[in-house]
Amino acid sequence: DTLKEHNAHGSFFILENLIVRNPELVLRMKDEGHLVCNHTAKHPDMTKICDKDLFFAQLLRLEKAYFELTGEEMAKIYRPPEGRFSEENLKFAHELGYRTIFWSFAYADWDNNKQMSADCALKKLLDHTHNGEILLLPPTSKTNAEILDSFLTELEKDGYRFGHLSELWAK
């Protein structure tokens, strides 16, 4: 809802369990123009997968589940779980037609039992904002949900706009 209010489009790197447990949310992401991207089916440490077929299976399984739900192809953008990768993994993803993407800023907000205060989190985000930022902001964080409107409002005041990841290679 907050992204919609700010006309901001997110890139959601999803897992298979989101499609299974919350298909209406995945459909909403797609219908509202967000990029729905591949974060693997089961979130394994992909650096431990050296077999190409096993690597492909993680991405293709999620693609299939997304297609079965939406009737559309998933964005060919991949973010390795925990940002762990090997050169071989990058080559495998490329062979499947994926662009591998990482973030330019993240902070430890993924553990819901170790959330910092909303004021501290907002300050941390604002202090690290930069042009072209790719912010990793897990949607499961209660704090992130609390501060998202304030964060986007501050960025708008400072003249920032919110683009799609695909703009990085569109030119």
C-alpha atoms as a PDB file:
ATOM      1  CA  ASP A   1       0.000   0.000   0.000  1.00  0.00           C
ATOM      2  CA  THR A   2       2.808   2.390   0.878  1.00  0.00           C
ATOM      3  CA  LEU A   3       4.615   1.798  -2.405  1.00  0.00           C
ATOM      4  CA  LYS A   4       1.376   2.485  -4.252  1.00  0.00           C
ATOM      5  CA  GLU A   5       0.823   5.748  -2.347  1.00  0.00           C
ATOM      6  CA  HIS A   6       4.266   6.946  -3.429  1.00  0.00           C
ATOM      7  CA  ASN A   7       4.024   5.634  -6.998  1.00  0.00           C
ATOM      8  CA  ALA A   8       7.106   3.554  -6.237  1.00  0.00           C
ATOM      9  CA  HIS A   9       7.694   0.195  -7.835  1.00  0.00           C
ATOM     10  CA  GLY A  10       9.552  -2.459  -5.949  1.00  0.00           C
ATOM     11  CA  SER A  11      11.451  -5.486  -7.079  1.00  0.00           C
ATOM     12  CA  PHE A  12      10.313  -8.432  -5.023  1.00  0.00           C
ATOM     13  CA  PHE A  13      12.684 -11.386  -4.915  1.00  0.00           C
ATOM     14  CA  ILE A  14      10.389 -14.179  -3.898  1.00  0.00           C
ATOM     15  CA  LEU A  15      10.586 -17.812  -2.882  1.00  0.00           C
ATOM     16  CA  GLU A  16       8.240 -20.632  -3.784  1.00  0.00           C
ATOM     17  CA  ASN A  17       6.635 -20.602  -0.343  1.00  0.00           C
ATOM     18  CA  LEU A  18       5.239 -17.099  -0.957  1.00  0.00           C
ATOM     19  CA  ILE A  19       3.444 -18.333  -4.069  1.00  0.00           C
ATOM     20  CA  VAL A  20       2.041 -21.275  -2.133  1.00  0.00           C
ATOM     21  CA  ARG A  21       1.090 -19.425   1.062  1.00  0.00           C
ATOM     22  CA  ASN A  22       0.135 -16.010  -0.270  1.00  0.00           C
ATOM     23  CA  PRO A  23      -0.699 -16.191  -3.977  1.00  0.00           C
ATOM     24  CA  GLU A  24      -2.956 -13.129  -3.856  1.00  0.00           C
ATOM     25  CA  LEU A  25      -0.004 -11.007  -2.718  1.00  0.00           C
ATOM     26  CA  VAL A  26       2.158 -12.252  -5.585  1.00  0.00           C
ATOM     27  CA  LEU A  27      -0.661 -11.470  -8.028  1.00  0.00           C
ATOM     28  CA  ARG A  28      -0.974  -7.998  -6.537  1.00  0.00           C
ATOM     29  CA  MET A  29       2.774  -7.414  -6.942  1.00  0.00           C
ATOM     30  CA  LYS A  30       2.502  -8.295 -10.615  1.00  0.00           C
ATOM     31  CA  ASP A  31      -0.735  -6.405 -11.223  1.00  0.00           C
ATOM     32  CA  GLU A  32       0.592  -3.223  -9.617  1.00  0.00           C
ATOM     33  CA  GLY A  33       3.643  -3.173 -11.883  1.00  0.00           C
ATOM     34  CA  HIS A  34       6.308  -4.372  -9.488  1.00  0.00           C
ATOM     35  CA  LEU A  35       9.046  -6.651 -10.740  1.00  0.00           C
ATOM     36  CA  VAL A  36       8.645 -10.154  -9.369  1.00  0.00           C
ATOM     37  CA  CYS A  37      12.069 -11.727  -9.441  1.00  0.00           C
ATOM     38  CA  ASN A  38      13.775 -15.014  -8.655  1.00  0.00           C
ATOM     39  CA  HIS A  39      15.318 -15.665  -5.244  1.00  0.00           C
ATOM     40  CA  THR A  40      15.283 -19.477  -5.801  1.00  0.00           C
ATOM     41  CA  ALA A  41      12.613 -21.966  -4.854  1.00  0.00           C
ATOM     42  CA  LYS A  42      13.943 -22.918  -1.405  1.00  0.00           C
ATOM     43  CA  HIS A  43      16.653 -20.339  -0.437  1.00  0.00           C
ATOM     44  CA  PRO A  44      19.691 -22.663  -0.307  1.00  0.00           C
ATOM     45  CA  ASP A  45      23.287 -21.505  -0.174  1.00  0.00           C
ATOM     46  CA  MET A  46      23.806 -21.578  -3.920  1.00  0.00           C
ATOM     47  CA  THR A  47      27.605 -21.616  -3.578  1.00  0.00           C
ATOM     48  CA  LYS A  48      27.249 -25.197  -2.361  1.00  0.00           C
ATOM     49  CA  ILE A  49      25.435 -26.200  -5.541  1.00  0.00           C
ATOM     50  CA  CYS A  50      28.070 -27.004  -8.141  1.00  0.00           C
ATOM     51  CA  ASP A  51      25.897 -29.198 -10.335  1.00  0.00           C
ATOM     52  CA  LYS A  52      24.359 -27.137 -13.123  1.00  0.00           C
ATOM     53  CA  ASP A  53      21.147 -29.160 -13.198  1.00  0.00           C
ATOM     54  CA  LEU A  54      20.598 -28.707  -9.461  1.00  0.00           C
ATOM     55  CA  PHE A  55      21.284 -24.989  -9.779  1.00  0.00           C
ATOM     56  CA  PHE A  56      18.887 -24.691 -12.717  1.00  0.00           C
ATOM     57  CA  ALA A  57      16.248 -26.629 -10.773  1.00  0.00           C
ATOM     58  CA  GLN A  58      16.141 -23.972  -8.031  1.00  0.00           C
ATOM     59  CA  LEU A  59      15.407 -21.169 -10.490  1.00  0.00           C
ATOM     60  CA  LEU A  60      13.223 -23.144 -12.892  1.00  0.00           C
ATOM     61  CA  ARG A  61      11.025 -24.548 -10.112  1.00  0.00           C
ATOM     62  CA  LEU A  62      10.192 -21.020  -8.973  1.00  0.00           C
ATOM     63  CA  GLU A  63       9.645 -19.865 -12.566  1.00  0.00           C
ATOM     64  CA  LYS A  64       7.188 -22.715 -13.088  1.00  0.00           C
ATOM     65  CA  ALA A  65       5.231 -21.955  -9.901  1.00  0.00           C
ATOM     66  CA  TYR A  66       5.035 -18.266 -10.854  1.00  0.00           C
ATOM     67  CA  PHE A  67       3.861 -19.072 -14.379  1.00  0.00           C
ATOM     68  CA  GLU A  68       1.238 -21.499 -13.078  1.00  0.00           C
ATOM     69  CA  LEU A  69      -0.113 -18.764 -10.796  1.00  0.00           C
ATOM     70  CA  THR A  70       0.064 -15.782 -13.160  1.00  0.00           C
ATOM     71  CA  GLY A  71       0.197 -17.160 -16.694  1.00  0.00           C
ATOM     72  CA  GLU A  72       3.206 -14.899 -17.240  1.00  0.00           C
ATOM     73  CA  GLU A  73       6.955 -15.286 -17.226  1.00  0.00           C
ATOM     74  CA  MET A  74       8.854 -14.131 -14.147  1.00  0.00           C
ATOM     75  CA  ALA A  75      11.327 -11.271 -14.582  1.00  0.00           C
ATOM     76  CA  LYS A  76      14.707 -12.731 -15.522  1.00  0.00           C
ATOM     77  CA  ILE A  77      16.419 -11.117 -12.544  1.00  0.00           C
ATOM     78  CA  TYR A  78      18.032 -13.243  -9.856  1.00  0.00           C
ATOM     79  CA  ARG A  79      19.319 -12.395  -6.397  1.00  0.00           C
ATOM     80  CA  PRO A  80      21.289 -15.175  -4.727  1.00  0.00           C
ATOM     81  CA  PRO A  81      20.135 -16.065  -1.218  1.00  0.00           C
ATOM     82  CA  GLU A  82      22.154 -14.151   1.375  1.00  0.00           C
ATOM     83  CA  GLY A  83      24.147 -12.613  -1.483  1.00  0.00           C
ATOM     84  CA  ARG A  84      26.324 -15.739  -1.610  1.00  0.00           C
ATOM     85  CA  PHE A  85      27.605 -16.588  -5.071  1.00  0.00           C
ATOM     86  CA  SER A  86      30.445 -18.114  -7.001  1.00  0.00           C
ATOM     87  CA  GLU A  87      31.653 -17.317 -10.488  1.00  0.00           C
ATOM     88  CA  GLU A  88      30.198 -20.638 -11.580  1.00  0.00           C
ATOM     89  CA  ASN A  89      26.797 -19.648 -10.148  1.00  0.00           C
ATOM     90  CA  LEU A  90      26.896 -16.379 -12.088  1.00  0.00           C
ATOM     91  CA  LYS A  91      27.601 -18.293 -15.295  1.00  0.00           C
ATOM     92  CA  PHE A  92      24.779 -20.758 -14.607  1.00  0.00           C
ATOM     93  CA  ALA A  93      22.293 -17.934 -14.008  1.00  0.00           C
ATOM     94  CA  HIS A  94      23.449 -16.222 -17.193  1.00  0.00           C
ATOM     95  CA  GLU A  95      22.943 -19.461 -19.160  1.00  0.00           C
ATOM     96  CA  LEU A  96      19.297 -19.391 -18.051  1.00  0.00           C
ATOM     97  CA  GLY A  97      19.001 -15.808 -19.294  1.00  0.00           C
ATOM     98  CA  TYR A  98      19.149 -14.197 -15.856  1.00  0.00           C
ATOM     99  CA  ARG A  99      20.792 -10.994 -14.756  1.00  0.00           C
ATOM    100  CA  THR A 100      22.181 -11.422 -11.267  1.00  0.00           C
ATOM    101  CA  ILE A 101      21.602  -8.406  -9.066  1.00  0.00           C
ATOM    102  CA  PHE A 102      22.976  -7.393  -5.691  1.00  0.00           C
ATOM    103  CA  TRP A 103      22.301  -4.439  -3.437  1.00  0.00           C
ATOM    104  CA  SER A 104      24.286  -1.311  -2.760  1.00  0.00           C
ATOM    105  CA  PHE A 105      22.963  -0.952   0.786  1.00  0.00           C
ATOM    106  CA  ALA A 106      21.522  -3.314   3.368  1.00  0.00           C
ATOM    107  CA  TYR A 107      21.477  -3.489   7.119  1.00  0.00           C
ATOM    108  CA  ALA A 108      20.700  -6.305   9.541  1.00  0.00           C
ATOM    109  CA  ASP A 109      16.903  -6.094   9.453  1.00  0.00           C
ATOM    110  CA  TRP A 110      16.011  -9.638   8.414  1.00  0.00           C
ATOM    111  CA  ASP A 111      15.878 -11.103  11.914  1.00  0.00           C
ATOM    112  CA  ASN A 112      12.437 -10.204  13.273  1.00  0.00           C
ATOM    113  CA  ASN A 113      13.630 -10.924  16.813  1.00  0.00           C
ATOM    114  CA  LYS A 114      16.423  -8.329  16.567  1.00  0.00           C
ATOM    115  CA  GLN A 115      14.754  -5.214  15.164  1.00  0.00           C
ATOM    116  CA  MET A 116      16.164  -1.779  15.915  1.00  0.00           C
ATOM    117  CA  SER A 117      13.834   1.071  16.772  1.00  0.00           C
ATOM    118  CA  ALA A 118      11.978   2.789  13.959  1.00  0.00           C
ATOM    119  CA  ASP A 119      13.889   6.049  14.538  1.00  0.00           C
ATOM    120  CA  CYS A 120      17.278   4.315  14.376  1.00  0.00           C
ATOM    121  CA  ALA A 121      16.329   2.343  11.278  1.00  0.00           C
ATOM    122  CA  LEU A 122      15.025   5.425   9.459  1.00  0.00           C
ATOM    123  CA  LYS A 123      18.184   7.367  10.316  1.00  0.00           C
ATOM    124  CA  LYS A 124      20.366   4.496   9.112  1.00  0.00           C
ATOM    125  CA  LEU A 125      18.528   4.344   5.783  1.00  0.00           C
ATOM    126  CA  LEU A 126      18.557   8.097   5.238  1.00  0.00           C
ATOM    127  CA  ASP A 127      22.240   8.389   6.191  1.00  0.00           C
ATOM    128  CA  HIS A 128      23.164   5.847   3.514  1.00  0.00           C
ATOM    129  CA  THR A 129      20.894   6.972   0.685  1.00  0.00           C
ATOM    130  CA  HIS A 130      22.740   7.575  -2.573  1.00  0.00           C
ATOM    131  CA  ASN A 131      21.998   8.026  -6.265  1.00  0.00           C
ATOM    132  CA  GLY A 132      21.316   4.737  -8.001  1.00  0.00           C
ATOM    133  CA  GLU A 133      20.832   2.957  -4.705  1.00  0.00           C
ATOM    134  CA  ILE A 134      19.620  -0.599  -4.734  1.00  0.00           C
ATOM    135  CA  LEU A 135      18.266  -1.042  -1.249  1.00  0.00           C
ATOM    136  CA  LEU A 136      17.737  -4.478   0.221  1.00  0.00           C
ATOM    137  CA  LEU A 137      14.705  -4.022   2.449  1.00  0.00           C
ATOM    138  CA  PRO A 138      13.143  -7.290   3.597  1.00  0.00           C
ATOM    139  CA  PRO A 139       9.351  -6.956   3.708  1.00  0.00           C
ATOM    140  CA  THR A 140       9.094  -9.277   6.713  1.00  0.00           C
ATOM    141  CA  SER A 141      10.572  -6.622   9.023  1.00  0.00           C
ATOM    142  CA  LYS A 142       7.951  -4.918  11.178  1.00  0.00           C
ATOM    143  CA  THR A 143      10.263  -1.923  11.533  1.00  0.00           C
ATOM    144  CA  ASN A 144      10.634  -1.586   7.766  1.00  0.00           C
ATOM    145  CA  ALA A 145       6.861  -1.557   7.408  1.00  0.00           C
ATOM    146  CA  GLU A 146       6.612   1.145  10.083  1.00  0.00           C
ATOM    147  CA  ILE A 147       9.183   3.451   8.477  1.00  0.00           C
ATOM    148  CA  LEU A 148       8.596   2.927   4.762  1.00  0.00           C
ATOM    149  CA  ASP A 149       6.179   5.851   4.345  1.00  0.00           C
ATOM    150  CA  SER A 150       8.480   8.259   6.224  1.00  0.00           C
ATOM    151  CA  PHE A 151      11.505   7.008   4.295  1.00  0.00           C
ATOM    152  CA  LEU A 152       9.869   7.442   0.890  1.00  0.00           C
ATOM    153  CA  THR A 153       8.476  10.833   1.884  1.00  0.00           C
ATOM    154  CA  GLU A 154      11.955  12.052   2.866  1.00  0.00           C
ATOM    155  CA  LEU A 155      13.445  10.771  -0.377  1.00  0.00           C
ATOM    156  CA  GLU A 156      10.762  12.553  -2.397  1.00  0.00           C
ATOM    157  CA  LYS A 157      11.472  15.792  -0.511  1.00  0.00           C
ATOM    158  CA  ASP A 158      15.139  15.402  -1.453  1.00  0.00           C
ATOM    159  CA  GLY A 159      14.239  15.016  -5.141  1.00  0.00           C
ATOM    160  CA  TYR A 160      14.748  11.295  -5.532  1.00  0.00           C
ATOM    161  CA  ARG A 161      12.595   9.177  -7.807  1.00  0.00           C
ATOM    162  CA  PHE A 162      11.941   5.460  -7.639  1.00  0.00           C
ATOM    163  CA  GLY A 163      12.857   3.415 -10.682  1.00  0.00           C
ATOM    164  CA  HIS A 164      12.765  -0.197 -11.778  1.00  0.00           C
ATOM    165  CA  LEU A 165      15.858  -2.346 -11.628  1.00  0.00           C
ATOM    166  CA  SER A 166      15.441  -2.892 -15.353  1.00  0.00           C
ATOM    167  CA  GLU A 167      16.421   0.755 -15.907  1.00  0.00           C
ATOM    168  CA  LEU A 168      19.994  -0.208 -15.056  1.00  0.00           C
ATOM    169  CA  TRP A 169      20.445  -1.961 -18.371  1.00  0.00           C
ATOM    170  CA  ALA A 170      17.694  -0.389 -20.490  1.00  0.00           C
ATOM    171  CA  LYS A 171      20.006   2.212 -22.036  1.00  0.00           C
END
